[in-house]
Amino acid sequence: MPTSKQIAGVLGALAGASVLAGLSGCSSTPSRYEQVKADPTPNIDTLHERPEDVDNAMVVTVDENGRMFWQDLGRVFLFDRPTRLAREPIPRP
């Protein structure tokens, strides 16, 4: 028959083992702290923009550049306003 000292020793060893198991963790996935520490800004591509914001800026820039190109081309070929050499008065909109 085990003595009370032996039972207390076994219970103490089990308690110590459970504390160590709790501290070491059983999960192989990193903790939330480790995830944040590895990538503090997971959804930011530049200093302040998400990938969607970067794509949107690119689309707006390409669109504006295209419209400015056609406007410049109109100026080159003098299509941006009517000629002022006509004898008749030109109505203004």
N, C-alpha and C. Protein backbone atom coordinates (compact mmCIF):
# COMPACT_ATOMS: atom_id res chain seq x y z
N MET A 1 0.84 -1.17 0.00
CA MET A 1 0.00 0.00 0.00
C MET A 1 0.89 1.24 0.00
N PRO A 2 0.63 2.19 -0.94
CA PRO A 2 1.46 3.39 -1.01
C PRO A 2 1.18 4.30 0.18
N THR A 3 2.22 4.95 0.58
CA THR A 3 2.09 5.88 1.70
C THR A 3 1.62 7.25 1.22
N SER A 4 1.27 8.09 2.15
CA SER A 4 0.77 9.41 1.79
C SER A 4 1.88 10.26 1.16
N LYS A 5 3.14 10.02 1.57
CA LYS A 5 4.27 10.74 0.97
C LYS A 5 4.43 10.34 -0.49
N GLN A 6 4.27 9.06 -0.79
CA GLN A 6 4.40 8.59 -2.17
C GLN A 6 3.26 9.17 -3.04
N ILE A 7 2.05 9.17 -2.48
CA ILE A 7 0.92 9.72 -3.23
C ILE A 7 1.13 11.22 -3.47
N ALA A 8 1.59 11.93 -2.47
CA ALA A 8 1.86 13.36 -2.61
C ALA A 8 2.96 13.61 -3.64
N GLY A 9 3.97 12.76 -3.67
CA GLY A 9 5.06 12.89 -4.65
C GLY A 9 4.57 12.67 -6.07
N VAL A 10 3.70 11.65 -6.24
CA VAL A 10 3.17 11.36 -7.57
C VAL A 10 2.27 12.52 -8.02
N LEU A 11 1.41 13.00 -7.12
CA LEU A 11 0.55 14.13 -7.47
C LEU A 11 1.36 15.38 -7.78
N GLY A 12 2.42 15.62 -7.05
CA GLY A 12 3.29 16.78 -7.32
C GLY A 12 3.97 16.66 -8.68
N ALA A 13 4.40 15.43 -9.01
CA ALA A 13 5.05 15.22 -10.31
C ALA A 13 4.06 15.44 -11.45
N LEU A 14 2.82 14.93 -11.26
CA LEU A 14 1.79 15.13 -12.28
C LEU A 14 1.45 16.62 -12.44
N ALA A 15 1.37 17.34 -11.33
CA ALA A 15 1.07 18.77 -11.40
C ALA A 15 2.20 19.51 -12.11
N GLY A 16 3.43 19.16 -11.80
CA GLY A 16 4.57 19.80 -12.47
C GLY A 16 4.58 19.49 -13.96
N ALA A 17 4.28 18.25 -14.33
CA ALA A 17 4.25 17.88 -15.75
C ALA A 17 3.13 18.61 -16.48
N SER A 18 1.99 18.77 -15.83
CA SER A 18 0.89 19.47 -16.49
C SER A 18 1.21 20.96 -16.67
N VAL A 19 1.91 21.55 -15.71
CA VAL A 19 2.31 22.95 -15.84
C VAL A 19 3.29 23.10 -16.99
N LEU A 20 4.28 22.20 -17.09
CA LEU A 20 5.24 22.26 -18.19
C LEU A 20 4.58 22.05 -19.54
N ALA A 21 3.62 21.15 -19.61
CA ALA A 21 2.90 20.92 -20.86
C ALA A 21 2.08 22.15 -21.24
N GLY A 22 1.51 22.81 -20.27
CA GLY A 22 0.73 24.02 -20.54
C GLY A 22 1.61 25.16 -21.01
N LEU A 23 2.81 25.26 -20.48
CA LEU A 23 3.72 26.32 -20.90
C LEU A 23 4.30 26.07 -22.29
N SER A 24 4.58 24.83 -22.59
CA SER A 24 5.20 24.52 -23.88
C SER A 24 4.18 24.57 -25.01
N GLY A 25 2.93 24.27 -24.72
CA GLY A 25 1.89 24.31 -25.74
C GLY A 25 1.88 23.03 -26.56
N CYS A 26 0.71 22.67 -27.01
CA CYS A 26 0.57 21.45 -27.79
C CYS A 26 0.31 21.77 -29.26
N SER A 27 0.10 23.01 -29.58
CA SER A 27 -0.27 23.40 -30.93
C SER A 27 0.97 23.67 -31.76
N SER A 28 0.93 23.29 -33.04
CA SER A 28 2.06 23.56 -33.93
C SER A 28 1.88 24.90 -34.64
N THR A 29 0.68 25.50 -34.59
CA THR A 29 0.47 26.80 -35.23
C THR A 29 1.04 27.89 -34.34
N PRO A 30 1.60 28.94 -34.95
CA PRO A 30 2.17 30.01 -34.14
C PRO A 30 1.08 30.79 -33.39
N SER A 31 1.49 31.35 -32.29
CA SER A 31 0.54 32.12 -31.48
C SER A 31 0.19 33.42 -32.20
N ARG A 32 -0.82 34.11 -31.70
CA ARG A 32 -1.25 35.38 -32.30
C ARG A 32 -0.11 36.39 -32.24
N TYR A 33 0.62 36.40 -31.14
CA TYR A 33 1.76 37.30 -31.00
C TYR A 33 2.82 37.02 -32.07
N GLU A 34 3.11 35.75 -32.29
CA GLU A 34 4.10 35.37 -33.31
C GLU A 34 3.64 35.76 -34.71
N GLN A 35 2.34 35.63 -34.98
CA GLN A 35 1.82 36.01 -36.29
C GLN A 35 1.94 37.51 -36.51
N VAL A 36 1.60 38.30 -35.49
CA VAL A 36 1.69 39.75 -35.61
C VAL A 36 3.15 40.18 -35.68
N LYS A 37 3.99 39.54 -34.92
CA LYS A 37 5.41 39.87 -34.91
C LYS A 37 6.04 39.57 -36.27
N ALA A 38 5.61 38.51 -36.93
CA ALA A 38 6.15 38.15 -38.24
C ALA A 38 5.71 39.12 -39.32
N ASP A 39 4.49 39.62 -39.26
CA ASP A 39 3.97 40.56 -40.27
C ASP A 39 2.99 41.51 -39.61
N PRO A 40 3.46 42.66 -39.11
CA PRO A 40 2.57 43.58 -38.40
C PRO A 40 1.49 44.19 -39.27
N THR A 41 1.73 44.31 -40.56
CA THR A 41 0.74 44.88 -41.48
C THR A 41 0.48 43.88 -42.61
N PRO A 42 -0.33 42.88 -42.35
CA PRO A 42 -0.49 41.81 -43.35
C PRO A 42 -1.25 42.22 -44.59
N ASN A 43 -2.05 43.26 -44.53
CA ASN A 43 -2.91 43.60 -45.66
C ASN A 43 -2.54 44.95 -46.27
N ILE A 44 -1.28 45.37 -46.09
CA ILE A 44 -0.82 46.67 -46.59
C ILE A 44 0.35 46.41 -47.53
N ASP A 45 0.28 46.97 -48.77
CA ASP A 45 1.38 46.82 -49.72
C ASP A 45 2.36 47.98 -49.63
N THR A 46 1.85 49.18 -49.61
CA THR A 46 2.73 50.35 -49.48
C THR A 46 2.66 50.82 -48.04
N LEU A 47 3.10 52.03 -47.79
CA LEU A 47 3.07 52.52 -46.40
C LEU A 47 1.66 52.73 -45.88
N HIS A 48 0.70 52.95 -46.79
CA HIS A 48 -0.65 53.24 -46.31
C HIS A 48 -1.75 52.70 -47.22
N GLU A 49 -1.43 51.84 -48.20
CA GLU A 49 -2.44 51.38 -49.13
C GLU A 49 -2.54 49.86 -49.16
N ARG A 50 -3.79 49.41 -49.27
CA ARG A 50 -4.04 47.98 -49.45
C ARG A 50 -3.80 47.62 -50.91
N PRO A 51 -3.72 46.33 -51.25
CA PRO A 51 -3.55 45.95 -52.66
C PRO A 51 -4.66 46.49 -53.55
N GLU A 52 -5.89 46.54 -53.04
CA GLU A 52 -7.00 47.07 -53.83
C GLU A 52 -6.80 48.56 -54.11
N ASP A 53 -6.26 49.31 -53.14
CA ASP A 53 -6.02 50.73 -53.33
C ASP A 53 -4.94 50.97 -54.38
N VAL A 54 -3.90 50.14 -54.36
CA VAL A 54 -2.82 50.25 -55.35
C VAL A 54 -3.37 49.98 -56.74
N ASP A 55 -4.16 48.91 -56.89
CA ASP A 55 -4.76 48.60 -58.19
C ASP A 55 -5.67 49.72 -58.67
N ASN A 56 -6.46 50.28 -57.77
CA ASN A 56 -7.36 51.37 -58.13
C ASN A 56 -6.57 52.59 -58.60
N ALA A 57 -5.49 52.92 -57.91
CA ALA A 57 -4.67 54.06 -58.31
C ALA A 57 -4.06 53.85 -59.69
N MET A 58 -3.64 52.62 -59.98
CA MET A 58 -3.08 52.32 -61.31
C MET A 58 -4.13 52.48 -62.40
N VAL A 59 -5.33 51.98 -62.16
CA VAL A 59 -6.39 52.08 -63.16
C VAL A 59 -6.76 53.54 -63.40
N VAL A 60 -6.88 54.32 -62.34
CA VAL A 60 -7.21 55.74 -62.49
C VAL A 60 -6.11 56.46 -63.25
N THR A 61 -4.85 56.16 -62.95
CA THR A 61 -3.74 56.82 -63.63
C THR A 61 -3.71 56.49 -65.11
N VAL A 62 -3.89 55.23 -65.47
CA VAL A 62 -3.90 54.84 -66.88
C VAL A 62 -5.07 55.50 -67.60
N ASP A 63 -6.23 55.56 -66.97
CA ASP A 63 -7.40 56.19 -67.57
C ASP A 63 -7.16 57.68 -67.80
N GLU A 64 -6.64 58.37 -66.80
CA GLU A 64 -6.37 59.80 -66.94
C GLU A 64 -5.31 60.06 -68.00
N ASN A 65 -4.28 59.24 -68.05
CA ASN A 65 -3.24 59.41 -69.07
C ASN A 65 -3.81 59.23 -70.47
N GLY A 66 -4.70 58.28 -70.65
CA GLY A 66 -5.33 58.07 -71.95
C GLY A 66 -6.17 59.26 -72.37
N ARG A 67 -6.96 59.78 -71.44
CA ARG A 67 -7.79 60.93 -71.77
C ARG A 67 -6.96 62.17 -72.04
N MET A 68 -5.85 62.37 -71.29
CA MET A 68 -4.97 63.50 -71.55
C MET A 68 -4.26 63.35 -72.89
N PHE A 69 -3.92 62.12 -73.29
CA PHE A 69 -3.30 61.89 -74.60
C PHE A 69 -4.22 62.36 -75.71
N TRP A 70 -5.49 61.97 -75.66
CA TRP A 70 -6.43 62.37 -76.71
C TRP A 70 -6.66 63.87 -76.70
N GLN A 71 -6.65 64.48 -75.54
CA GLN A 71 -6.79 65.94 -75.45
C GLN A 71 -5.57 66.63 -76.07
N ASP A 72 -4.38 66.12 -75.78
CA ASP A 72 -3.16 66.68 -76.37
C ASP A 72 -3.14 66.49 -77.88
N LEU A 73 -3.60 65.34 -78.34
CA LEU A 73 -3.65 65.08 -79.78
C LEU A 73 -4.61 66.06 -80.46
N GLY A 74 -5.71 66.38 -79.82
CA GLY A 74 -6.64 67.37 -80.35
C GLY A 74 -5.99 68.74 -80.46
N ARG A 75 -5.16 69.09 -79.49
CA ARG A 75 -4.45 70.37 -79.56
C ARG A 75 -3.42 70.38 -80.67
N VAL A 76 -2.70 69.27 -80.88
CA VAL A 76 -1.68 69.19 -81.92
C VAL A 76 -2.30 69.40 -83.29
N PHE A 77 -3.43 68.79 -83.55
CA PHE A 77 -4.09 68.91 -84.85
C PHE A 77 -5.09 70.07 -84.90
N LEU A 78 -5.06 70.91 -83.89
CA LEU A 78 -5.89 72.12 -83.81
C LEU A 78 -7.39 71.82 -83.86
N PHE A 79 -7.77 70.73 -83.24
CA PHE A 79 -9.19 70.37 -83.14
C PHE A 79 -9.80 70.80 -81.81
N ASP A 80 -9.03 71.48 -81.00
CA ASP A 80 -9.53 71.83 -79.67
C ASP A 80 -10.44 73.06 -79.68
N ARG A 81 -10.37 73.88 -80.77
CA ARG A 81 -11.25 75.05 -80.86
C ARG A 81 -11.40 75.41 -82.34
N PRO A 82 -12.43 76.14 -82.68
CA PRO A 82 -12.60 76.52 -84.08
C PRO A 82 -11.57 77.58 -84.49
N THR A 83 -11.36 77.67 -85.77
CA THR A 83 -10.40 78.64 -86.28
C THR A 83 -10.90 80.06 -86.07
N ARG A 84 -9.99 80.98 -85.95
CA ARG A 84 -10.35 82.39 -85.78
C ARG A 84 -10.14 83.18 -87.08
N LEU A 85 -9.85 82.47 -88.15
CA LEU A 85 -9.57 83.13 -89.42
C LEU A 85 -10.83 83.33 -90.26
N ALA A 86 -11.95 82.80 -89.85
CA ALA A 86 -13.18 82.92 -90.63
C ALA A 86 -13.71 84.35 -90.56
N ARG A 87 -14.33 84.82 -91.65
CA ARG A 87 -14.91 86.17 -91.67
C ARG A 87 -16.19 86.25 -90.88
N GLU A 88 -16.93 85.16 -90.89
CA GLU A 88 -18.20 85.14 -90.18
C GLU A 88 -17.94 84.99 -88.67
N PRO A 89 -18.78 85.57 -87.87
CA PRO A 89 -18.62 85.37 -86.42
C PRO A 89 -18.92 83.92 -86.04
N ILE A 90 -18.19 83.42 -85.13
CA ILE A 90 -18.35 82.04 -84.70
C ILE A 90 -19.12 82.05 -83.38
N PRO A 91 -20.25 81.39 -83.35
CA PRO A 91 -21.01 81.38 -82.10
C PRO A 91 -20.27 80.61 -81.02
N ARG A 92 -20.34 81.14 -79.84
CA ARG A 92 -19.71 80.46 -78.70
C ARG A 92 -20.77 79.70 -77.91
N PRO A 93 -20.43 78.53 -77.47
CA PRO A 93 -21.41 77.77 -76.68
C PRO A 93 -21.65 78.34 -75.31
